[in-house]
Amino acid sequence: MTRRGRGSTGPGRPSVLPPGEYDPPGPLRDGAAGATVVFFHGDDGREDVFDMARLPLPGWWIALAGAVAQRTGPAGGLRTRTSAAGMW
């Protein structure tokens, strides 16, 4: 590894940060049918969308979406698309 070029900051020099504050979009968003959807981005590089409109009991969609997002998020135990799909 060299101390020059892209990705190198050098001793005592901080890395360059983009202006403003970084606020990534959360996994919960409103879907086309008016239901909440959960976007999944796995450690295996695969993605999926879990649409709560496919489930019965619309009154539970927001709570279930929060649980799915927490279980499949960065701190959750389901880190691959296969494990998340098995939960779904």
N, C-alpha and C. Protein backbone atom coordinates (compact mmCIF):
# COMPACT_ATOMS: atom_id res chain seq x y z
N MET A 1 0.84 -1.17 0.00
CA MET A 1 0.00 0.00 0.00
C MET A 1 0.89 1.24 0.00
N THR A 2 0.54 2.17 -0.80
CA THR A 2 1.31 3.41 -0.87
C THR A 2 0.63 4.49 -0.06
N ARG A 3 1.37 5.52 0.23
CA ARG A 3 0.82 6.66 0.97
C ARG A 3 0.39 7.77 0.03
N ARG A 4 0.29 7.47 -1.25
CA ARG A 4 -0.09 8.47 -2.24
C ARG A 4 -1.26 7.94 -3.06
N GLY A 5 -2.00 8.84 -3.62
CA GLY A 5 -3.09 8.44 -4.50
C GLY A 5 -4.42 8.34 -3.78
N ARG A 6 -5.35 7.75 -4.48
CA ARG A 6 -6.71 7.66 -3.99
C ARG A 6 -6.79 6.82 -2.70
N GLY A 7 -7.47 7.32 -1.71
CA GLY A 7 -7.66 6.60 -0.47
C GLY A 7 -6.59 6.84 0.58
N SER A 8 -5.55 7.55 0.24
CA SER A 8 -4.49 7.81 1.20
C SER A 8 -4.65 9.21 1.79
N THR A 9 -4.50 9.29 3.08
CA THR A 9 -4.57 10.60 3.72
C THR A 9 -3.21 11.07 4.20
N GLY A 10 -2.35 10.15 4.51
CA GLY A 10 -1.02 10.51 5.01
C GLY A 10 -1.04 10.68 6.51
N PRO A 11 0.11 10.57 7.12
CA PRO A 11 0.20 10.71 8.57
C PRO A 11 -0.20 12.11 9.02
N GLY A 12 -1.09 12.19 9.98
CA GLY A 12 -1.48 13.47 10.54
C GLY A 12 -2.49 14.26 9.73
N ARG A 13 -2.89 13.75 8.56
CA ARG A 13 -3.89 14.45 7.75
C ARG A 13 -5.22 13.71 7.83
N PRO A 14 -6.31 14.38 8.21
CA PRO A 14 -7.61 13.71 8.28
C PRO A 14 -8.16 13.47 6.88
N SER A 15 -9.06 12.51 6.78
CA SER A 15 -9.68 12.23 5.50
C SER A 15 -10.66 13.35 5.13
N VAL A 16 -10.87 13.51 3.86
CA VAL A 16 -11.79 14.53 3.37
C VAL A 16 -13.21 14.00 3.49
N LEU A 17 -14.08 14.78 4.06
CA LEU A 17 -15.47 14.40 4.22
C LEU A 17 -16.36 15.24 3.33
N PRO A 18 -17.47 14.68 2.87
CA PRO A 18 -18.39 15.47 2.05
C PRO A 18 -19.03 16.57 2.89
N PRO A 19 -19.46 17.64 2.24
CA PRO A 19 -20.10 18.72 3.00
C PRO A 19 -21.45 18.28 3.54
N GLY A 20 -21.84 18.86 4.63
CA GLY A 20 -23.14 18.55 5.22
C GLY A 20 -23.11 17.27 6.03
N GLU A 21 -24.28 16.86 6.46
CA GLU A 21 -24.41 15.69 7.29
C GLU A 21 -24.96 14.54 6.46
N TYR A 22 -24.39 13.36 6.59
CA TYR A 22 -24.86 12.20 5.84
C TYR A 22 -26.00 11.55 6.60
N ASP A 23 -27.14 11.42 5.95
CA ASP A 23 -28.31 10.81 6.55
C ASP A 23 -28.84 9.77 5.57
N PRO A 24 -28.40 8.51 5.68
CA PRO A 24 -28.84 7.49 4.72
C PRO A 24 -30.34 7.22 4.86
N PRO A 25 -30.98 6.84 3.77
CA PRO A 25 -32.41 6.51 3.86
C PRO A 25 -32.61 5.26 4.70
N GLY A 26 -33.66 5.24 5.47
CA GLY A 26 -33.96 4.08 6.30
C GLY A 26 -34.56 2.94 5.48
N PRO A 27 -34.68 1.77 6.07
CA PRO A 27 -35.21 0.63 5.34
C PRO A 27 -36.72 0.67 5.17
N LEU A 28 -37.42 1.48 5.96
CA LEU A 28 -38.88 1.55 5.88
C LEU A 28 -39.31 2.70 4.98
N ARG A 29 -40.18 2.39 4.02
CA ARG A 29 -40.73 3.42 3.14
C ARG A 29 -42.16 3.05 2.79
N ASP A 30 -42.89 4.00 2.24
CA ASP A 30 -44.25 3.73 1.81
C ASP A 30 -44.23 3.10 0.43
N GLY A 31 -45.01 2.02 0.27
CA GLY A 31 -45.08 1.32 -1.00
C GLY A 31 -46.17 1.88 -1.89
N ALA A 32 -46.30 1.31 -3.06
CA ALA A 32 -47.29 1.77 -4.04
C ALA A 32 -48.72 1.55 -3.57
N ALA A 33 -48.96 0.47 -2.83
CA ALA A 33 -50.32 0.15 -2.38
C ALA A 33 -50.68 0.88 -1.10
N GLY A 34 -49.83 1.79 -0.63
CA GLY A 34 -50.10 2.51 0.59
C GLY A 34 -49.59 1.80 1.83
N ALA A 35 -49.06 0.59 1.64
CA ALA A 35 -48.51 -0.17 2.76
C ALA A 35 -47.03 0.14 2.92
N THR A 36 -46.53 -0.15 4.08
CA THR A 36 -45.11 0.04 4.34
C THR A 36 -44.32 -1.11 3.72
N VAL A 37 -43.17 -0.79 3.15
CA VAL A 37 -42.28 -1.82 2.60
C VAL A 37 -40.94 -1.71 3.32
N VAL A 38 -40.23 -2.83 3.38
CA VAL A 38 -38.90 -2.90 4.00
C VAL A 38 -37.91 -3.26 2.91
N PHE A 39 -36.90 -2.41 2.73
CA PHE A 39 -35.84 -2.68 1.75
C PHE A 39 -34.72 -3.41 2.46
N PHE A 40 -34.29 -4.52 1.88
CA PHE A 40 -33.24 -5.35 2.47
C PHE A 40 -32.01 -5.32 1.56
N HIS A 41 -30.85 -5.08 2.15
CA HIS A 41 -29.56 -5.11 1.45
C HIS A 41 -28.66 -6.05 2.24
N GLY A 42 -28.46 -7.25 1.73
CA GLY A 42 -27.74 -8.27 2.47
C GLY A 42 -26.23 -8.19 2.37
N ASP A 43 -25.58 -8.88 3.29
CA ASP A 43 -24.13 -8.97 3.28
C ASP A 43 -23.63 -9.76 2.07
N ASP A 44 -24.51 -10.55 1.47
CA ASP A 44 -24.13 -11.33 0.30
C ASP A 44 -24.28 -10.53 -1.00
N GLY A 45 -24.62 -9.24 -0.88
CA GLY A 45 -24.74 -8.37 -2.05
C GLY A 45 -26.10 -8.42 -2.73
N ARG A 46 -26.99 -9.25 -2.22
CA ARG A 46 -28.32 -9.34 -2.84
C ARG A 46 -29.31 -8.47 -2.08
N GLU A 47 -30.35 -8.07 -2.80
CA GLU A 47 -31.35 -7.17 -2.24
C GLU A 47 -32.74 -7.79 -2.38
N ASP A 48 -33.67 -7.29 -1.59
CA ASP A 48 -35.05 -7.73 -1.67
C ASP A 48 -35.94 -6.64 -1.08
N VAL A 49 -37.21 -6.71 -1.38
CA VAL A 49 -38.19 -5.78 -0.84
C VAL A 49 -39.31 -6.61 -0.22
N PHE A 50 -39.60 -6.36 1.03
CA PHE A 50 -40.67 -7.06 1.72
C PHE A 50 -41.86 -6.10 1.84
N ASP A 51 -42.92 -6.41 1.12
CA ASP A 51 -44.10 -5.55 1.04
C ASP A 51 -45.14 -6.03 2.04
N MET A 52 -45.47 -5.18 3.00
CA MET A 52 -46.43 -5.53 4.03
C MET A 52 -47.85 -5.68 3.48
N ALA A 53 -48.13 -5.15 2.29
CA ALA A 53 -49.47 -5.27 1.70
C ALA A 53 -49.80 -6.72 1.37
N ARG A 54 -48.81 -7.58 1.31
CA ARG A 54 -49.06 -8.99 1.04
C ARG A 54 -49.54 -9.74 2.27
N LEU A 55 -49.53 -9.07 3.42
CA LEU A 55 -49.92 -9.70 4.68
C LEU A 55 -51.34 -9.29 5.06
N PRO A 56 -52.05 -10.16 5.82
CA PRO A 56 -53.37 -9.76 6.33
C PRO A 56 -53.21 -8.78 7.49
N LEU A 57 -54.28 -8.28 8.00
CA LEU A 57 -54.32 -7.39 9.17
C LEU A 57 -53.55 -6.09 8.96
N PRO A 58 -54.11 -5.18 8.15
CA PRO A 58 -53.43 -3.91 7.86
C PRO A 58 -53.05 -3.11 9.11
N GLY A 59 -53.74 -3.27 10.19
CA GLY A 59 -53.40 -2.55 11.42
C GLY A 59 -52.06 -2.94 12.01
N TRP A 60 -51.53 -4.08 11.61
CA TRP A 60 -50.26 -4.58 12.11
C TRP A 60 -49.09 -4.28 11.18
N TRP A 61 -49.33 -3.73 10.00
CA TRP A 61 -48.28 -3.56 8.99
C TRP A 61 -47.10 -2.73 9.50
N ILE A 62 -47.36 -1.64 10.16
CA ILE A 62 -46.27 -0.76 10.62
C ILE A 62 -45.43 -1.47 11.69
N ALA A 63 -46.08 -2.12 12.63
CA ALA A 63 -45.35 -2.84 13.68
C ALA A 63 -44.54 -3.99 13.09
N LEU A 64 -45.13 -4.73 12.17
CA LEU A 64 -44.41 -5.84 11.53
C LEU A 64 -43.25 -5.34 10.69
N ALA A 65 -43.46 -4.24 9.98
CA ALA A 65 -42.37 -3.67 9.17
C ALA A 65 -41.20 -3.26 10.06
N GLY A 66 -41.49 -2.68 11.22
CA GLY A 66 -40.43 -2.31 12.15
C GLY A 66 -39.67 -3.52 12.66
N ALA A 67 -40.40 -4.60 12.94
CA ALA A 67 -39.75 -5.82 13.41
C ALA A 67 -38.89 -6.45 12.32
N VAL A 68 -39.40 -6.48 11.10
CA VAL A 68 -38.63 -7.04 9.97
C VAL A 68 -37.39 -6.19 9.72
N ALA A 69 -37.53 -4.88 9.76
CA ALA A 69 -36.38 -3.99 9.54
C ALA A 69 -35.33 -4.17 10.62
N GLN A 70 -35.75 -4.34 11.85
CA GLN A 70 -34.80 -4.53 12.94
C GLN A 70 -34.10 -5.89 12.82
N ARG A 71 -34.83 -6.90 12.42
CA ARG A 71 -34.26 -8.26 12.32
C ARG A 71 -33.31 -8.39 11.14
N THR A 72 -33.56 -7.63 10.06
CA THR A 72 -32.73 -7.73 8.85
C THR A 72 -31.76 -6.57 8.71
N GLY A 73 -31.77 -5.63 9.67
CA GLY A 73 -30.89 -4.47 9.59
C GLY A 73 -29.46 -4.78 10.00
N PRO A 74 -28.62 -3.76 10.11
CA PRO A 74 -27.21 -3.96 10.44
C PRO A 74 -26.96 -4.69 11.76
N ALA A 75 -27.82 -4.51 12.74
CA ALA A 75 -27.64 -5.18 14.02
C ALA A 75 -28.46 -6.46 14.14
N GLY A 76 -29.21 -6.79 13.10
CA GLY A 76 -30.05 -7.98 13.13
C GLY A 76 -29.29 -9.26 12.81
N GLY A 77 -29.94 -10.38 13.03
CA GLY A 77 -29.30 -11.67 12.82
C GLY A 77 -29.47 -12.22 11.42
N LEU A 78 -30.35 -11.64 10.63
CA LEU A 78 -30.60 -12.14 9.27
C LEU A 78 -29.84 -11.26 8.28
N ARG A 79 -28.67 -11.71 7.85
CA ARG A 79 -27.77 -10.87 7.07
C ARG A 79 -27.67 -11.26 5.60
N THR A 80 -28.32 -12.36 5.18
CA THR A 80 -28.31 -12.75 3.77
C THR A 80 -29.73 -12.77 3.25
N ARG A 81 -29.87 -12.70 1.94
CA ARG A 81 -31.21 -12.70 1.34
C ARG A 81 -31.93 -14.02 1.63
N THR A 82 -31.20 -15.11 1.61
CA THR A 82 -31.81 -16.41 1.87
C THR A 82 -32.37 -16.48 3.28
N SER A 83 -31.64 -16.01 4.27
CA SER A 83 -32.14 -16.04 5.64
C SER A 83 -33.31 -15.09 5.82
N ALA A 84 -33.26 -13.92 5.19
CA ALA A 84 -34.37 -12.97 5.29
C ALA A 84 -35.61 -13.52 4.59
N ALA A 85 -35.43 -14.15 3.43
CA ALA A 85 -36.57 -14.74 2.73
C ALA A 85 -37.17 -15.89 3.52
N GLY A 86 -36.34 -16.64 4.24
CA GLY A 86 -36.84 -17.71 5.08
C GLY A 86 -37.69 -17.17 6.23
N MET A 87 -37.30 -16.03 6.77
CA MET A 87 -38.08 -15.38 7.81
C MET A 87 -39.41 -14.90 7.25
N TRP A 88 -39.38 -14.36 6.06
CA TRP A 88 -40.58 -13.80 5.44
C TRP A 88 -41.58 -14.88 5.16
